[in-house]
Amino acid sequence: MKNLIIKNGLYASLVLVGIHLVVWVISDGEPNYETGEIIGYASMIVCMVFVFLGIREYRNVELNGNMTFSQALGMGVLVALVPALAFGAYDLLYILYLNPDFNETYFAHYLDEMKASMSLADFEIAKKDLEAQKEFWDNPFLQFTVMFLTVFVIGFIVALISSSILRTKTA
């Protein structure tokens, strides 16, 4: 079981982090935040195919084709933990070393968008809210936690669905 968790978790991590690194290299300092967000969530979902594959291999190889929902869910959750931890760590490396100006440029971009689409009074209110969020995102521990939880929640949902599909007995 441990080998299946590590193998599938590492494959999921490689897909997730690899896609983000490729997009970062291709963008060459010209970020498109909207497209990046779509690619980010899509890559999180795509990498979770390894949760399904890990559960299926666990059922077929180690449990001789017999698996309860709880066994499947346990396996899926453990596989999902690996890319969640990897993405949290990658995000820390990204904001601390690869692109240390990310938070500044990200918030400046959204301030510009809000300013162009809001009245001055609404903009000032939204700006204060955004500045409060910026303080939150400047904390690396909190950013790690949010990125970890984002990937883990998606992985947990995939594990639930996969467990429902792949279970073979109810006892």
Protein backbone atom coordinates (compact mmCIF):
# COMPACT_ATOMS: atom_id res chain seq x y z
CA MET A 1 0.00 0.00 0.00
CA LYS A 2 2.77 2.42 0.93
CA ASN A 3 4.48 1.97 -2.45
CA LEU A 4 1.22 2.63 -4.30
CA ILE A 5 0.65 5.81 -2.29
CA ILE A 6 4.15 7.08 -2.96
CA LYS A 7 4.13 6.12 -6.65
CA ASN A 8 0.73 7.62 -7.49
CA GLY A 9 1.27 10.61 -5.22
CA LEU A 10 4.59 11.40 -6.88
CA TYR A 11 3.13 11.06 -10.37
CA ALA A 12 0.30 13.42 -9.39
CA SER A 13 2.85 15.84 -7.90
CA LEU A 14 4.98 15.77 -11.03
CA VAL A 15 1.96 16.53 -13.23
CA LEU A 16 0.72 19.33 -10.98
CA VAL A 17 4.04 21.06 -10.35
CA GLY A 18 5.31 20.30 -13.86
CA ILE A 19 2.36 22.04 -15.52
CA HIS A 20 2.85 25.09 -13.32
CA LEU A 21 6.56 25.24 -14.05
CA VAL A 22 6.01 24.89 -17.80
CA VAL A 23 3.39 27.67 -17.78
CA TRP A 24 5.72 29.89 -15.74
CA VAL A 25 8.62 29.32 -18.14
CA ILE A 26 6.45 29.83 -21.23
CA SER A 27 4.91 33.05 -19.88
CA ASP A 28 8.41 34.57 -19.57
CA GLY A 29 7.43 37.24 -17.06
CA GLU A 30 4.20 38.23 -18.83
CA PRO A 31 1.58 36.70 -16.53
CA ASN A 32 -2.01 36.25 -17.56
CA TYR A 33 -3.70 35.80 -14.20
CA GLU A 34 -7.08 34.73 -15.54
CA THR A 35 -5.63 32.05 -17.82
CA GLY A 36 -3.19 31.03 -15.09
CA GLU A 37 -6.06 30.47 -12.69
CA ILE A 38 -7.90 28.28 -15.18
CA ILE A 39 -4.75 26.29 -15.94
CA GLY A 40 -4.05 26.00 -12.22
CA TYR A 41 -7.39 24.48 -11.31
CA ALA A 42 -7.43 22.31 -14.42
CA SER A 43 -3.99 20.90 -13.55
CA MET A 44 -5.18 20.14 -10.02
CA ILE A 45 -8.08 18.15 -11.41
CA VAL A 46 -5.97 16.40 -14.06
CA CYS A 47 -3.33 15.30 -11.55
CA MET A 48 -6.04 13.66 -9.47
CA VAL A 49 -6.41 10.92 -12.07
CA PHE A 50 -3.65 9.28 -10.03
CA VAL A 51 -5.99 9.13 -7.02
CA PHE A 52 -8.36 7.03 -9.10
CA LEU A 53 -5.53 4.92 -10.52
CA GLY A 54 -4.03 4.37 -7.06
CA ILE A 55 -7.34 3.19 -5.64
CA ARG A 56 -7.93 0.91 -8.61
CA GLU A 57 -4.45 -0.61 -8.40
CA TYR A 58 -4.85 -1.09 -4.64
CA ARG A 59 -8.13 -2.94 -5.23
CA ASN A 60 -6.88 -5.08 -8.10
CA VAL A 61 -3.35 -5.90 -6.91
CA GLU A 62 -3.31 -5.84 -3.13
CA LEU A 63 -6.92 -6.65 -2.25
CA ASN A 64 -7.56 -9.24 -4.97
CA GLY A 65 -10.46 -7.29 -6.44
CA ASN A 66 -12.38 -6.87 -3.16
CA MET A 67 -12.53 -3.42 -1.56
CA THR A 68 -14.94 -1.53 0.67
CA PHE A 69 -15.76 2.13 0.29
CA SER A 70 -13.75 3.02 3.40
CA GLN A 71 -10.67 1.13 2.17
CA ALA A 72 -10.90 2.94 -1.16
CA LEU A 73 -11.43 6.32 0.48
CA GLY A 74 -8.49 5.80 2.81
CA MET A 75 -6.22 4.98 -0.10
CA GLY A 76 -7.48 7.94 -2.13
CA VAL A 77 -7.00 10.39 0.72
CA LEU A 78 -3.44 9.19 1.31
CA VAL A 79 -2.58 9.53 -2.38
CA ALA A 80 -4.15 13.03 -2.46
CA LEU A 81 -2.02 14.13 0.49
CA VAL A 82 1.19 13.80 -1.53
CA PRO A 83 0.42 16.32 -4.31
CA ALA A 84 -1.24 18.62 -1.78
CA LEU A 85 1.99 18.75 0.25
CA ALA A 86 4.08 19.03 -2.93
CA PHE A 87 2.00 21.92 -4.26
CA GLY A 88 2.12 23.76 -0.94
CA ALA A 89 5.91 23.40 -0.92
CA TYR A 90 6.16 24.40 -4.60
CA ASP A 91 4.04 27.48 -3.94
CA LEU A 92 6.41 28.52 -1.15
CA LEU A 93 9.41 28.07 -3.43
CA TYR A 94 7.63 30.00 -6.16
CA ILE A 95 6.74 33.05 -4.06
CA LEU A 96 9.96 33.10 -2.06
CA TYR A 97 12.54 32.32 -4.77
CA LEU A 98 11.24 31.83 -8.32
CA ASN A 99 8.96 34.86 -8.47
CA PRO A 100 9.31 36.89 -5.26
CA ASP A 101 7.39 39.81 -6.81
CA PHE A 102 4.33 37.67 -7.52
CA ASN A 103 2.16 38.96 -4.67
CA GLU A 104 2.93 42.59 -5.53
CA THR A 105 2.24 42.22 -9.25
CA TYR A 106 -0.85 40.07 -8.64
CA PHE A 107 -2.46 42.61 -6.33
CA ALA A 108 -1.45 45.56 -8.53
CA HIS A 109 -3.12 43.82 -11.48
CA TYR A 110 -6.39 43.36 -9.62
CA LEU A 111 -6.30 46.91 -8.26
CA ASP A 112 -6.00 48.18 -11.84
CA GLU A 113 -8.91 45.98 -12.95
CA MET A 114 -11.10 47.13 -10.06
CA LYS A 115 -10.25 50.79 -10.64
CA ALA A 116 -11.28 50.53 -14.29
CA SER A 117 -14.61 48.83 -13.54
CA MET A 118 -15.85 50.52 -10.33
CA SER A 119 -16.98 53.88 -9.08
CA LEU A 120 -14.43 55.70 -6.92
CA ALA A 121 -16.37 55.00 -3.71
CA ASP A 122 -16.74 51.29 -4.47
CA PHE A 123 -13.09 51.11 -5.52
CA GLU A 124 -11.90 52.55 -2.19
CA ILE A 125 -13.94 49.96 -0.27
CA ALA A 126 -12.72 47.12 -2.48
CA LYS A 127 -9.14 48.40 -2.25
CA LYS A 128 -9.24 48.22 1.57
CA ASP A 129 -10.56 44.65 1.36
CA LEU A 130 -7.86 43.69 -1.13
CA GLU A 131 -5.14 45.26 1.04
CA ALA A 132 -6.38 43.23 4.02
CA GLN A 133 -6.15 40.08 1.87
CA LYS A 134 -2.66 41.07 0.77
CA GLU A 135 -1.47 41.01 4.37
CA PHE A 136 -2.86 37.48 4.67
CA TRP A 137 -1.12 36.30 1.48
CA ASP A 138 2.20 37.81 2.55
CA ASN A 139 2.40 35.15 5.28
CA PRO A 140 4.17 32.13 3.72
CA PHE A 141 2.73 29.66 6.27
CA LEU A 142 -0.82 30.75 5.51
CA GLN A 143 -0.19 30.67 1.77
CA PHE A 144 1.21 27.12 2.08
CA THR A 145 -1.86 26.11 4.07
CA VAL A 146 -4.32 27.55 1.53
CA MET A 147 -2.54 25.95 -1.43
CA PHE A 148 -2.29 22.61 0.41
CA LEU A 149 -5.99 22.70 1.30
CA THR A 150 -7.03 23.70 -2.22
CA VAL A 151 -5.34 20.65 -3.74
CA PHE A 152 -6.35 18.36 -0.88
CA VAL A 153 -10.05 19.29 -1.07
CA ILE A 154 -10.08 18.58 -4.81
CA GLY A 155 -8.26 15.30 -4.11
CA PHE A 156 -10.74 14.38 -1.38
CA ILE A 157 -13.68 14.96 -3.74
CA VAL A 158 -12.00 12.82 -6.40
CA ALA A 159 -11.30 10.15 -3.76
CA LEU A 160 -14.99 10.14 -2.74
CA ILE A 161 -16.17 9.77 -6.32
CA SER A 162 -13.51 7.16 -7.13
CA SER A 163 -14.33 5.19 -3.98
CA SER A 164 -17.98 5.09 -4.93
CA ILE A 165 -17.12 3.82 -8.39
CA LEU A 166 -14.40 1.33 -7.43
CA ARG A 167 -15.78 -0.28 -4.28
CA THR A 168 -16.72 -3.91 -4.72
CA LYS A 169 -18.27 -4.88 -1.41
CA THR A 170 -20.15 -3.09 1.34
CA ALA A 171 -18.98 -5.09 4.36
